[in-house]
Amino acid sequence: MPNVTYWVHPVSDLDRAERFYGELFGWTFSRGSAGGLHVLNSAPEGGLVEGTPAPRTVLAFSVDDATEAAAKVRALGGTAADDGAGGEHGTWIDCTDDQGTPFALYVPAHTAD
């Protein structure tokens, strides 16, 4: 059964957000290859990305096979990016449900093939 295993919180200024959330929650960070900040001590895992803040935080649901799950999203009337962004933290595919609500499919690096 898929669980929320990662979240992404968009912020306007990554450096300010690092100070703010670090002080607020005691989070520590590592810089990711895509330029975001991975939160090292949150559960579930998460990250901060720089850009125009979205009206909501994006939840990522863990799946065993991102390609198969993306195909199912499309079959159910949602959208899914053509290929997942693989990286040091795993494979990520941005999606929307059949009503346009964003979410992501995620295969953490420790379980990715």
PDB file of N, CA and C in Angstrom:
ATOM      1  N   MET A   1       0.856  -1.180   0.000  1.00  0.00           N
ATOM      2  CA  MET A   1       0.000   0.000   0.000  1.00  0.00           C
ATOM      3  C   MET A   1       0.893   1.232   0.000  1.00  0.00           C
ATOM      4  N   PRO A   2       0.708   2.159  -0.937  1.00  0.00           N
ATOM      5  CA  PRO A   2       1.516   3.375  -0.974  1.00  0.00           C
ATOM      6  C   PRO A   2       1.315   4.236   0.273  1.00  0.00           C
ATOM      7  N   ASN A   3       2.396   4.793   0.746  1.00  0.00           N
ATOM      8  CA  ASN A   3       2.379   5.712   1.874  1.00  0.00           C
ATOM      9  C   ASN A   3       3.040   7.011   1.454  1.00  0.00           C
ATOM     10  N   VAL A   4       2.729   8.092   2.164  1.00  0.00           N
ATOM     11  CA  VAL A   4       3.452   9.333   1.934  1.00  0.00           C
ATOM     12  C   VAL A   4       4.865   9.111   2.450  1.00  0.00           C
ATOM     13  N   THR A   5       5.845   9.243   1.561  1.00  0.00           N
ATOM     14  CA  THR A   5       7.224   9.008   1.964  1.00  0.00           C
ATOM     15  C   THR A   5       8.118  10.204   1.726  1.00  0.00           C
ATOM     16  N   TYR A   6       7.604  11.233   1.072  1.00  0.00           N
ATOM     17  CA  TYR A   6       8.414  12.419   0.822  1.00  0.00           C
ATOM     18  C   TYR A   6       7.474  13.586   0.589  1.00  0.00           C
ATOM     19  N   TRP A   7       7.907  14.752   0.950  1.00  0.00           N
ATOM     20  CA  TRP A   7       7.143  15.970   0.698  1.00  0.00           C
ATOM     21  C   TRP A   7       8.098  17.026   0.158  1.00  0.00           C
ATOM     22  N   VAL A   8       7.569  17.964  -0.608  1.00  0.00           N
ATOM     23  CA  VAL A   8       8.349  19.065  -1.150  1.00  0.00           C
ATOM     24  C   VAL A   8       7.603  20.358  -0.833  1.00  0.00           C
ATOM     25  N   HIS A   9       8.321  21.289  -0.224  1.00  0.00           N
ATOM     26  CA  HIS A   9       7.734  22.562   0.175  1.00  0.00           C
ATOM     27  C   HIS A   9       8.413  23.675  -0.609  1.00  0.00           C
ATOM     28  N   PRO A  10       7.707  24.327  -1.552  1.00  0.00           N
ATOM     29  CA  PRO A  10       8.310  25.394  -2.340  1.00  0.00           C
ATOM     30  C   PRO A  10       8.441  26.681  -1.523  1.00  0.00           C
ATOM     31  N   VAL A  11       9.560  27.368  -1.700  1.00  0.00           N
ATOM     32  CA  VAL A  11       9.828  28.621  -0.994  1.00  0.00           C
ATOM     33  C   VAL A  11      10.409  29.633  -1.985  1.00  0.00           C
ATOM     34  N   SER A  12      10.311  30.921  -1.662  1.00  0.00           N
ATOM     35  CA  SER A  12      10.844  31.964  -2.537  1.00  0.00           C
ATOM     36  C   SER A  12      12.360  32.069  -2.451  1.00  0.00           C
ATOM     37  N   ASP A  13      12.914  31.889  -1.260  1.00  0.00           N
ATOM     38  CA  ASP A  13      14.343  32.075  -1.046  1.00  0.00           C
ATOM     39  C   ASP A  13      14.859  30.891  -0.226  1.00  0.00           C
ATOM     40  N   LEU A  14      15.645  30.063  -0.854  1.00  0.00           N
ATOM     41  CA  LEU A  14      16.114  28.834  -0.220  1.00  0.00           C
ATOM     42  C   LEU A  14      16.986  29.105   1.007  1.00  0.00           C
ATOM     43  N   ASP A  15      17.855  30.083   0.932  1.00  0.00           N
ATOM     44  CA  ASP A  15      18.729  30.382   2.072  1.00  0.00           C
ATOM     45  C   ASP A  15      17.931  30.872   3.278  1.00  0.00           C
ATOM     46  N   ARG A  16      16.976  31.750   3.031  1.00  0.00           N
ATOM     47  CA  ARG A  16      16.130  32.226   4.140  1.00  0.00           C
ATOM     48  C   ARG A  16      15.312  31.085   4.711  1.00  0.00           C
ATOM     49  N   ALA A  17      14.777  30.211   3.851  1.00  0.00           N
ATOM     50  CA  ALA A  17      13.976  29.085   4.324  1.00  0.00           C
ATOM     51  C   ALA A  17      14.817  28.126   5.150  1.00  0.00           C
ATOM     52  N   GLU A  18      16.072  27.939   4.734  1.00  0.00           N
ATOM     53  CA  GLU A  18      16.971  27.059   5.495  1.00  0.00           C
ATOM     54  C   GLU A  18      17.144  27.590   6.922  1.00  0.00           C
ATOM     55  N   ARG A  19      17.374  28.890   7.046  1.00  0.00           N
ATOM     56  CA  ARG A  19      17.516  29.492   8.383  1.00  0.00           C
ATOM     57  C   ARG A  19      16.208  29.385   9.162  1.00  0.00           C
ATOM     58  N   PHE A  20      15.090  29.755   8.510  1.00  0.00           N
ATOM     59  CA  PHE A  20      13.799  29.780   9.184  1.00  0.00           C
ATOM     60  C   PHE A  20      13.399  28.403   9.700  1.00  0.00           C
ATOM     61  N   TYR A  21      13.343  27.419   8.790  1.00  0.00           N
ATOM     62  CA  TYR A  21      12.884  26.085   9.189  1.00  0.00           C
ATOM     63  C   TYR A  21      13.914  25.361  10.047  1.00  0.00           C
ATOM     64  N   GLY A  22      15.176  25.674   9.844  1.00  0.00           N
ATOM     65  CA  GLY A  22      16.206  25.109  10.711  1.00  0.00           C
ATOM     66  C   GLY A  22      16.013  25.555  12.149  1.00  0.00           C
ATOM     67  N   GLU A  23      15.765  26.843  12.333  1.00  0.00           N
ATOM     68  CA  GLU A  23      15.525  27.374  13.683  1.00  0.00           C
ATOM     69  C   GLU A  23      14.182  26.899  14.240  1.00  0.00           C
ATOM     70  N   LEU A  24      13.150  26.913  13.408  1.00  0.00           N
ATOM     71  CA  LEU A  24      11.809  26.555  13.856  1.00  0.00           C
ATOM     72  C   LEU A  24      11.707  25.094  14.271  1.00  0.00           C
ATOM     73  N   PHE A  25      12.177  24.189  13.402  1.00  0.00           N
ATOM     74  CA  PHE A  25      11.994  22.760  13.639  1.00  0.00           C
ATOM     75  C   PHE A  25      13.262  22.020  14.031  1.00  0.00           C
ATOM     76  N   GLY A  26      14.406  22.692  13.974  1.00  0.00           N
ATOM     77  CA  GLY A  26      15.663  22.013  14.257  1.00  0.00           C
ATOM     78  C   GLY A  26      16.131  21.136  13.109  1.00  0.00           C
ATOM     79  N   TRP A  27      15.621  21.424  11.912  1.00  0.00           N
ATOM     80  CA  TRP A  27      15.999  20.630  10.751  1.00  0.00           C
ATOM     81  C   TRP A  27      17.434  20.910  10.349  1.00  0.00           C
ATOM     82  N   THR A  28      18.089  19.885   9.836  1.00  0.00           N
ATOM     83  CA  THR A  28      19.394  20.031   9.205  1.00  0.00           C
ATOM     84  C   THR A  28      19.226  19.622   7.746  1.00  0.00           C
ATOM     85  N   PHE A  29      20.102  20.141   6.891  1.00  0.00           N
ATOM     86  CA  PHE A  29      19.894  20.018   5.454  1.00  0.00           C
ATOM     87  C   PHE A  29      21.146  19.565   4.721  1.00  0.00           C
ATOM     88  N   SER A  30      20.922  18.980   3.551  1.00  0.00           N
ATOM     89  CA  SER A  30      21.997  18.771   2.585  1.00  0.00           C
ATOM     90  C   SER A  30      21.508  19.340   1.264  1.00  0.00           C
ATOM     91  N   ARG A  31      22.432  19.891   0.496  1.00  0.00           N
ATOM     92  CA  ARG A  31      22.083  20.430  -0.822  1.00  0.00           C
ATOM     93  C   ARG A  31      21.985  19.284  -1.805  1.00  0.00           C
ATOM     94  N   GLY A  32      20.886  19.221  -2.539  1.00  0.00           N
ATOM     95  CA  GLY A  32      20.692  18.178  -3.531  1.00  0.00           C
ATOM     96  C   GLY A  32      21.294  18.562  -4.871  1.00  0.00           C
ATOM     97  N   SER A  33      21.447  17.587  -5.727  1.00  0.00           N
ATOM     98  CA  SER A  33      22.019  17.836  -7.053  1.00  0.00           C
ATOM     99  C   SER A  33      21.127  18.743  -7.898  1.00  0.00           C
ATOM    100  N   ALA A  34      19.831  18.769  -7.620  1.00  0.00           N
ATOM    101  CA  ALA A  34      18.911  19.620  -8.374  1.00  0.00           C
ATOM    102  C   ALA A  34      18.821  21.023  -7.781  1.00  0.00           C
ATOM    103  N   GLY A  35      19.606  21.298  -6.727  1.00  0.00           N
ATOM    104  CA  GLY A  35      19.638  22.628  -6.152  1.00  0.00           C
ATOM    105  C   GLY A  35      18.742  22.839  -4.957  1.00  0.00           C
ATOM    106  N   GLY A  36      17.918  21.874  -4.623  1.00  0.00           N
ATOM    107  CA  GLY A  36      17.051  22.005  -3.464  1.00  0.00           C
ATOM    108  C   GLY A  36      17.763  21.596  -2.189  1.00  0.00           C
ATOM    109  N   LEU A  37      17.038  21.652  -1.098  1.00  0.00           N
ATOM    110  CA  LEU A  37      17.557  21.230   0.194  1.00  0.00           C
ATOM    111  C   LEU A  37      16.814  19.984   0.652  1.00  0.00           C
ATOM    112  N   HIS A  38      17.531  18.938   0.947  1.00  0.00           N
ATOM    113  CA  HIS A  38      16.950  17.725   1.504  1.00  0.00           C
ATOM    114  C   HIS A  38      17.004  17.856   3.019  1.00  0.00           C
ATOM    115  N   VAL A  39      15.865  17.643   3.689  1.00  0.00           N
ATOM    116  CA  VAL A  39      15.817  17.712   5.144  1.00  0.00           C
ATOM    117  C   VAL A  39      16.309  16.372   5.681  1.00  0.00           C
ATOM    118  N   LEU A  40      17.364  16.419   6.449  1.00  0.00           N
ATOM    119  CA  LEU A  40      18.006  15.188   6.914  1.00  0.00           C
ATOM    120  C   LEU A  40      17.311  14.546   8.110  1.00  0.00           C
ATOM    121  N   ASN A  41      16.534  15.319   8.849  1.00  0.00           N
ATOM    122  CA  ASN A  41      15.969  14.785  10.083  1.00  0.00           C
ATOM    123  C   ASN A  41      14.467  15.033  10.202  1.00  0.00           C
ATOM    124  N   SER A  42      13.731  14.675   9.148  1.00  0.00           N
ATOM    125  CA  SER A  42      12.271  14.742   9.226  1.00  0.00           C
ATOM    126  C   SER A  42      11.701  13.373   8.890  1.00  0.00           C
ATOM    127  N   ALA A  43      10.507  13.136   9.381  1.00  0.00           N
ATOM    128  CA  ALA A  43       9.822  11.884   9.069  1.00  0.00           C
ATOM    129  C   ALA A  43       8.356  12.224   8.784  1.00  0.00           C
ATOM    130  N   PRO A  44       7.863  11.906   7.560  1.00  0.00           N
ATOM    131  CA  PRO A  44       8.616  11.319   6.476  1.00  0.00           C
ATOM    132  C   PRO A  44       9.651  12.310   5.941  1.00  0.00           C
ATOM    133  N   GLU A  45      10.545  11.819   5.093  1.00  0.00           N
ATOM    134  CA  GLU A  45      11.581  12.649   4.507  1.00  0.00           C
ATOM    135  C   GLU A  45      10.958  13.763   3.676  1.00  0.00           C
ATOM    136  N   GLY A  46      11.710  14.840   3.488  1.00  0.00           N
ATOM    137  CA  GLY A  46      11.197  15.930   2.693  1.00  0.00           C
ATOM    138  C   GLY A  46      12.276  16.857   2.217  1.00  0.00           C
ATOM    139  N   GLY A  47      11.844  17.904   1.538  1.00  0.00           N
ATOM    140  CA  GLY A  47      12.805  18.863   1.017  1.00  0.00           C
ATOM    141  C   GLY A  47      12.174  20.204   0.732  1.00  0.00           C
ATOM    142  N   LEU A  48      13.042  21.193   0.582  1.00  0.00           N
ATOM    143  CA  LEU A  48      12.646  22.537   0.211  1.00  0.00           C
ATOM    144  C   LEU A  48      13.184  22.807  -1.187  1.00  0.00           C
ATOM    145  N   VAL A  49      12.366  23.421  -2.033  1.00  0.00           N
ATOM    146  CA  VAL A  49      12.796  23.790  -3.380  1.00  0.00           C
ATOM    147  C   VAL A  49      12.544  25.275  -3.579  1.00  0.00           C
ATOM    148  N   GLU A  50      13.425  25.906  -4.363  1.00  0.00           N
ATOM    149  CA  GLU A  50      13.302  27.329  -4.603  1.00  0.00           C
ATOM    150  C   GLU A  50      12.480  27.575  -5.856  1.00  0.00           C
ATOM    151  N   GLY A  51      11.624  28.563  -5.785  1.00  0.00           N
ATOM    152  CA  GLY A  51      10.763  28.927  -6.896  1.00  0.00           C
ATOM    153  C   GLY A  51       9.586  29.686  -6.346  1.00  0.00           C
ATOM    154  N   THR A  52       8.632  29.942  -7.186  1.00  0.00           N
ATOM    155  CA  THR A  52       7.430  30.612  -6.718  1.00  0.00           C
ATOM    156  C   THR A  52       6.670  29.663  -5.805  1.00  0.00           C
ATOM    157  N   PRO A  53       6.380  30.096  -4.588  1.00  0.00           N
ATOM    158  CA  PRO A  53       5.653  29.194  -3.687  1.00  0.00           C
ATOM    159  C   PRO A  53       4.321  28.746  -4.280  1.00  0.00           C
ATOM    160  N   ALA A  54       4.084  27.478  -4.218  1.00  0.00           N
ATOM    161  CA  ALA A  54       2.810  26.914  -4.675  1.00  0.00           C
ATOM    162  C   ALA A  54       1.789  27.082  -3.545  1.00  0.00           C
ATOM    163  N   PRO A  55       0.528  26.970  -3.858  1.00  0.00           N
ATOM    164  CA  PRO A  55      -0.475  27.123  -2.805  1.00  0.00           C
ATOM    165  C   PRO A  55      -0.483  25.958  -1.821  1.00  0.00           C
ATOM    166  N   ARG A  56       0.290  24.923  -2.123  1.00  0.00           N
ATOM    167  CA  ARG A  56       0.297  23.770  -1.207  1.00  0.00           C
ATOM    168  C   ARG A  56       1.604  23.001  -1.342  1.00  0.00           C
ATOM    169  N   THR A  57       1.889  22.278  -0.302  1.00  0.00           N
ATOM    170  CA  THR A  57       3.036  21.380  -0.310  1.00  0.00           C
ATOM    171  C   THR A  57       2.663  20.156  -1.131  1.00  0.00           C
ATOM    172  N   VAL A  58       3.599  19.627  -1.901  1.00  0.00           N
ATOM    173  CA  VAL A  58       3.342  18.453  -2.731  1.00  0.00           C
ATOM    174  C   VAL A  58       3.709  17.195  -1.950  1.00  0.00           C
ATOM    175  N   LEU A  59       2.787  16.254  -1.902  1.00  0.00           N
ATOM    176  CA  LEU A  59       3.039  14.970  -1.255  1.00  0.00           C
ATOM    177  C   LEU A  59       3.493  13.954  -2.292  1.00  0.00           C
ATOM    178  N   ALA A  60       4.458  13.152  -1.918  1.00  0.00           N
ATOM    179  CA  ALA A  60       4.939  12.084  -2.794  1.00  0.00           C
ATOM    180  C   ALA A  60       4.571  10.755  -2.160  1.00  0.00           C
ATOM    181  N   PHE A  61       4.014   9.865  -2.963  1.00  0.00           N
ATOM    182  CA  PHE A  61       3.590   8.557  -2.485  1.00  0.00           C
ATOM    183  C   PHE A  61       4.579   7.499  -2.958  1.00  0.00           C
ATOM    184  N   SER A  62       4.999   6.658  -2.037  1.00  0.00           N
ATOM    185  CA  SER A  62       5.958   5.614  -2.399  1.00  0.00           C
ATOM    186  C   SER A  62       5.277   4.537  -3.228  1.00  0.00           C
ATOM    187  N   VAL A  63       5.976   4.094  -4.252  1.00  0.00           N
ATOM    188  CA  VAL A  63       5.508   3.011  -5.116  1.00  0.00           C
ATOM    189  C   VAL A  63       6.688   2.100  -5.395  1.00  0.00           C
ATOM    190  N   ASP A  64       6.399   0.865  -5.773  1.00  0.00           N
ATOM    191  CA  ASP A  64       7.463  -0.079  -6.105  1.00  0.00           C
ATOM    192  C   ASP A  64       8.028   0.176  -7.497  1.00  0.00           C
ATOM    193  N   ASP A  65       7.163   0.570  -8.431  1.00  0.00           N
ATOM    194  CA  ASP A  65       7.566   0.762  -9.822  1.00  0.00           C
ATOM    195  C   ASP A  65       6.957   2.073 -10.310  1.00  0.00           C
ATOM    196  N   ALA A  66       7.794   3.107 -10.447  1.00  0.00           N
ATOM    197  CA  ALA A  66       7.297   4.437 -10.811  1.00  0.00           C
ATOM    198  C   ALA A  66       6.694   4.462 -12.214  1.00  0.00           C
ATOM    199  N   THR A  67       7.291   3.759 -13.153  1.00  0.00           N
ATOM    200  CA  THR A  67       6.794   3.744 -14.527  1.00  0.00           C
ATOM    201  C   THR A  67       5.411   3.107 -14.600  1.00  0.00           C
ATOM    202  N   GLU A  68       5.252   1.997 -13.915  1.00  0.00           N
ATOM    203  CA  GLU A  68       3.951   1.299 -13.892  1.00  0.00           C
ATOM    204  C   GLU A  68       2.895   2.161 -13.214  1.00  0.00           C
ATOM    205  N   ALA A  69       3.238   2.791 -12.103  1.00  0.00           N
ATOM    206  CA  ALA A  69       2.278   3.632 -11.388  1.00  0.00           C
ATOM    207  C   ALA A  69       1.900   4.856 -12.221  1.00  0.00           C
ATOM    208  N   ALA A  70       2.865   5.440 -12.951  1.00  0.00           N
ATOM    209  CA  ALA A  70       2.575   6.595 -13.808  1.00  0.00           C
ATOM    210  C   ALA A  70       1.601   6.210 -14.917  1.00  0.00           C
ATOM    211  N   ALA A  71       1.779   5.026 -15.481  1.00  0.00           N
ATOM    212  CA  ALA A  71       0.861   4.555 -16.517  1.00  0.00           C
ATOM    213  C   ALA A  71      -0.555   4.415 -15.952  1.00  0.00           C
ATOM    214  N   LYS A  72      -0.654   3.949 -14.724  1.00  0.00           N
ATOM    215  CA  LYS A  72      -1.972   3.794 -14.094  1.00  0.00           C
ATOM    216  C   LYS A  72      -2.607   5.160 -13.831  1.00  0.00           C
ATOM    217  N   VAL A  73      -1.788   6.144 -13.418  1.00  0.00           N
ATOM    218  CA  VAL A  73      -2.297   7.502 -13.219  1.00  0.00           C
ATOM    219  C   VAL A  73      -2.928   7.999 -14.508  1.00  0.00           C
ATOM    220  N   ARG A  74      -2.224   7.838 -15.619  1.00  0.00           N
ATOM    221  CA  ARG A  74      -2.739   8.282 -16.920  1.00  0.00           C
ATOM    222  C   ARG A  74      -4.020   7.539 -17.297  1.00  0.00           C
ATOM    223  N   ALA A  75      -4.049   6.233 -17.049  1.00  0.00           N
ATOM    224  CA  ALA A  75      -5.229   5.422 -17.384  1.00  0.00           C
ATOM    225  C   ALA A  75      -6.457   5.854 -16.585  1.00  0.00           C
ATOM    226  N   LEU A  76      -6.220   6.400 -15.402  1.00  0.00           N
ATOM    227  CA  LEU A  76      -7.324   6.844 -14.547  1.00  0.00           C
ATOM    228  C   LEU A  76      -7.726   8.296 -14.800  1.00  0.00           C
ATOM    229  N   GLY A  77      -7.114   8.937 -15.799  1.00  0.00           N
ATOM    230  CA  GLY A  77      -7.488  10.297 -16.163  1.00  0.00           C
ATOM    231  C   GLY A  77      -6.602  11.385 -15.593  1.00  0.00           C
ATOM    232  N   GLY A  78      -5.539  11.008 -14.894  1.00  0.00           N
ATOM    233  CA  GLY A  78      -4.604  11.993 -14.376  1.00  0.00           C
ATOM    234  C   GLY A  78      -3.475  12.226 -15.359  1.00  0.00           C
ATOM    235  N   THR A  79      -2.494  12.999 -14.955  1.00  0.00           N
ATOM    236  CA  THR A  79      -1.321  13.229 -15.773  1.00  0.00           C
ATOM    237  C   THR A  79      -0.080  12.787 -15.007  1.00  0.00           C
ATOM    238  N   ALA A  80       0.939  12.398 -15.751  1.00  0.00           N
ATOM    239  CA  ALA A  80       2.220  12.017 -15.156  1.00  0.00           C
ATOM    240  C   ALA A  80       3.320  12.386 -16.133  1.00  0.00           C
ATOM    241  N   ALA A  81       4.417  12.918 -15.602  1.00  0.00           N
ATOM    242  CA  ALA A  81       5.559  13.248 -16.442  1.00  0.00           C
ATOM    243  C   ALA A  81       6.015  11.987 -17.170  1.00  0.00           C
ATOM    244  N   ASP A  82       6.614  12.168 -18.344  1.00  0.00           N
ATOM    245  CA  ASP A  82       7.024  11.023 -19.151  1.00  0.00           C
ATOM    246  C   ASP A  82       8.064  10.143 -18.480  1.00  0.00           C
ATOM    247  N   ASP A  83       9.007  10.748 -17.795  1.00  0.00           N
ATOM    248  CA  ASP A  83      10.011   9.932 -17.112  1.00  0.00           C
ATOM    249  C   ASP A  83      10.338  10.571 -15.774  1.00  0.00           C
ATOM    250  N   GLY A  84      10.714   9.744 -14.858  1.00  0.00           N
ATOM    251  CA  GLY A  84      11.017  10.214 -13.523  1.00  0.00           C
ATOM    252  C   GLY A  84      12.377  10.854 -13.438  1.00  0.00           C
ATOM    253  N   ALA A  85      12.473  11.836 -12.581  1.00  0.00           N
ATOM    254  CA  ALA A  85      13.756  12.458 -12.313  1.00  0.00           C
ATOM    255  C   ALA A  85      14.490  11.599 -11.297  1.00  0.00           C
ATOM    256  N   GLY A  86      15.469  10.855 -11.767  1.00  0.00           N
ATOM    257  CA  GLY A  86      16.262  10.030 -10.878  1.00  0.00           C
ATOM    258  C   GLY A  86      17.415  10.840 -10.330  1.00  0.00           C
ATOM    259  N   GLY A  87      17.802  10.531  -9.132  1.00  0.00           N
ATOM    260  CA  GLY A  87      18.906  11.253  -8.518  1.00  0.00           C
ATOM    261  C   GLY A  87      19.364  10.549  -7.274  1.00  0.00           C
ATOM    262  N   GLU A  88      20.137  11.265  -6.490  1.00  0.00           N
ATOM    263  CA  GLU A  88      20.717  10.674  -5.296  1.00  0.00           C
ATOM    264  C   GLU A  88      19.677  10.231  -4.274  1.00  0.00           C
ATOM    265  N   HIS A  89      18.475  10.816  -4.325  1.00  0.00           N
ATOM    266  CA  HIS A  89      17.442  10.469  -3.352  1.00  0.00           C
ATOM    267  C   HIS A  89      16.392   9.507  -3.893  1.00  0.00           C
ATOM    268  N   GLY A  90      16.468   9.173  -5.178  1.00  0.00           N
ATOM    269  CA  GLY A  90      15.526   8.220  -5.754  1.00  0.00           C
ATOM    270  C   GLY A  90      14.901   8.728  -7.039  1.00  0.00           C
ATOM    271  N   THR A  91      13.801   8.098  -7.444  1.00  0.00           N
ATOM    272  CA  THR A  91      13.090   8.453  -8.667  1.00  0.00           C
ATOM    273  C   THR A  91      11.797   9.164  -8.307  1.00  0.00           C
ATOM    274  N   TRP A  92      11.537  10.262  -8.989  1.00  0.00           N
ATOM    275  CA  TRP A  92      10.400  11.138  -8.704  1.00  0.00           C
ATOM    276  C   TRP A  92       9.657  11.405  -9.998  1.00  0.00           C
ATOM    277  N   ILE A  93       8.334  11.219 -10.005  1.00  0.00           N
ATOM    278  CA  ILE A  93       7.517  11.562 -11.174  1.00  0.00           C
ATOM    279  C   ILE A  93       6.398  12.494 -10.717  1.00  0.00           C
ATOM    280  N   ASP A  94       6.382  13.723 -11.274  1.00  0.00           N
ATOM    281  CA  ASP A  94       5.319  14.675 -10.976  1.00  0.00           C
ATOM    282  C   ASP A  94       4.033  14.238 -11.667  1.00  0.00           C
ATOM    283  N   CYS A  95       2.927  14.320 -10.934  1.00  0.00           N
ATOM    284  CA  CYS A  95       1.622  13.892 -11.443  1.00  0.00           C
ATOM    285  C   CYS A  95       0.540  14.876 -11.002  1.00  0.00           C
ATOM    286  N   THR A  96      -0.614  14.740 -11.622  1.00  0.00           N
ATOM    287  CA  THR A  96      -1.838  15.353 -11.110  1.00  0.00           C
ATOM    288  C   THR A  96      -2.917  14.278 -11.138  1.00  0.00           C
ATOM    289  N   ASP A  97      -3.860  14.396 -10.232  1.00  0.00           N
ATOM    290  CA  ASP A  97      -4.976  13.457 -10.275  1.00  0.00           C
ATOM    291  C   ASP A  97      -5.966  13.901 -11.341  1.00  0.00           C
ATOM    292  N   ASP A  98      -7.101  13.232 -11.444  1.00  0.00           N
ATOM    293  CA  ASP A  98      -8.066  13.547 -12.498  1.00  0.00           C
ATOM    294  C   ASP A  98      -8.802  14.861 -12.261  1.00  0.00           C
ATOM    295  N   GLN A  99      -8.492  15.545 -11.135  1.00  0.00           N
ATOM    296  CA  GLN A  99      -9.066  16.856 -10.856  1.00  0.00           C
ATOM    297  C   GLN A  99      -8.015  17.964 -10.906  1.00  0.00           C
ATOM    298  N   GLY A 100      -6.772  17.593 -11.262  1.00  0.00           N
ATOM    299  CA  GLY A 100      -5.717  18.582 -11.384  1.00  0.00           C
ATOM    300  C   GLY A 100      -4.904  18.832 -10.129  1.00  0.00           C
ATOM    301  N   THR A 101      -5.131  18.057  -9.081  1.00  0.00           N
ATOM    302  CA  THR A 101      -4.376  18.229  -7.840  1.00  0.00           C
ATOM    303  C   THR A 101      -3.004  17.582  -7.974  1.00  0.00           C
ATOM    304  N   PRO A 102      -1.931  18.346  -7.699  1.00  0.00           N
ATOM    305  CA  PRO A 102      -0.595  17.782  -7.858  1.00  0.00           C
ATOM    306  C   PRO A 102      -0.208  16.800  -6.747  1.00  0.00           C
ATOM    307  N   PHE A 103       0.559  15.804  -7.128  1.00  0.00           N
ATOM    308  CA  PHE A 103       1.185  14.869  -6.204  1.00  0.00           C
ATOM    309  C   PHE A 103       2.348  14.251  -6.960  1.00  0.00           C
ATOM    310  N   ALA A 104       3.090  13.398  -6.319  1.00  0.00           N
ATOM    311  CA  ALA A 104       4.214  12.760  -6.996  1.00  0.00           C
ATOM    312  C   ALA A 104       4.280  11.292  -6.636  1.00  0.00           C
ATOM    313  N   LEU A 105       4.874  10.531  -7.532  1.00  0.00           N
ATOM    314  CA  LEU A 105       5.202   9.126  -7.283  1.00  0.00           C
ATOM    315  C   LEU A 105       6.689   9.087  -6.959  1.00  0.00           C
ATOM    316  N   TYR A 106       7.068   8.287  -5.976  1.00  0.00           N
ATOM    317  CA  TYR A 106       8.443   8.314  -5.501  1.00  0.00           C
ATOM    318  C   TYR A 106       8.935   6.912  -5.190  1.00  0.00           C
ATOM    319  N   VAL A 107      10.110   6.598  -5.711  1.00  0.00           N
ATOM    320  CA  VAL A 107      10.812   5.365  -5.352  1.00  0.00           C
ATOM    321  C   VAL A 107      12.113   5.813  -4.683  1.00  0.00           C
ATOM    322  N   PRO A 108      12.199   5.692  -3.348  1.00  0.00           N
ATOM    323  CA  PRO A 108      13.401   6.151  -2.650  1.00  0.00           C
ATOM    324  C   PRO A 108      14.648   5.441  -3.187  1.00  0.00           C
ATOM    325  N   ALA A 109      15.783   6.114  -3.121  1.00  0.00           N
ATOM    326  CA  ALA A 109      17.037   5.576  -3.658  1.00  0.00           C
ATOM    327  C   ALA A 109      17.400   4.237  -3.026  1.00  0.00           C
ATOM    328  N   HIS A 110      17.124   4.055  -1.766  1.00  0.00           N
ATOM    329  CA  HIS A 110      17.495   2.798  -1.119  1.00  0.00           C
ATOM    330  C   HIS A 110      16.642   1.622  -1.587  1.00  0.00           C
ATOM    331  N   THR A 111      15.525   1.910  -2.316  1.00  0.00           N
ATOM    332  CA  THR A 111      14.716   0.815  -2.862  1.00  0.00           C
ATOM    333  C   THR A 111      14.688   0.843  -4.382  1.00  0.00           C
ATOM    334  N   ALA A 112      15.229   1.904  -4.989  1.00  0.00           N
ATOM    335  CA  ALA A 112      15.214   2.011  -6.459  1.00  0.00           C
ATOM    336  C   ALA A 112      16.189   1.013  -7.057  1.00  0.00           C
ATOM    337  N   ASP A 113      15.811   0.483  -8.233  1.00  0.00           N
ATOM    338  CA  ASP A 113      16.695  -0.458  -8.934  1.00  0.00           C
ATOM    339  C   ASP A 113      17.807   0.268  -9.635  1.00  0.00           C
TER     340      ASP A 113
END
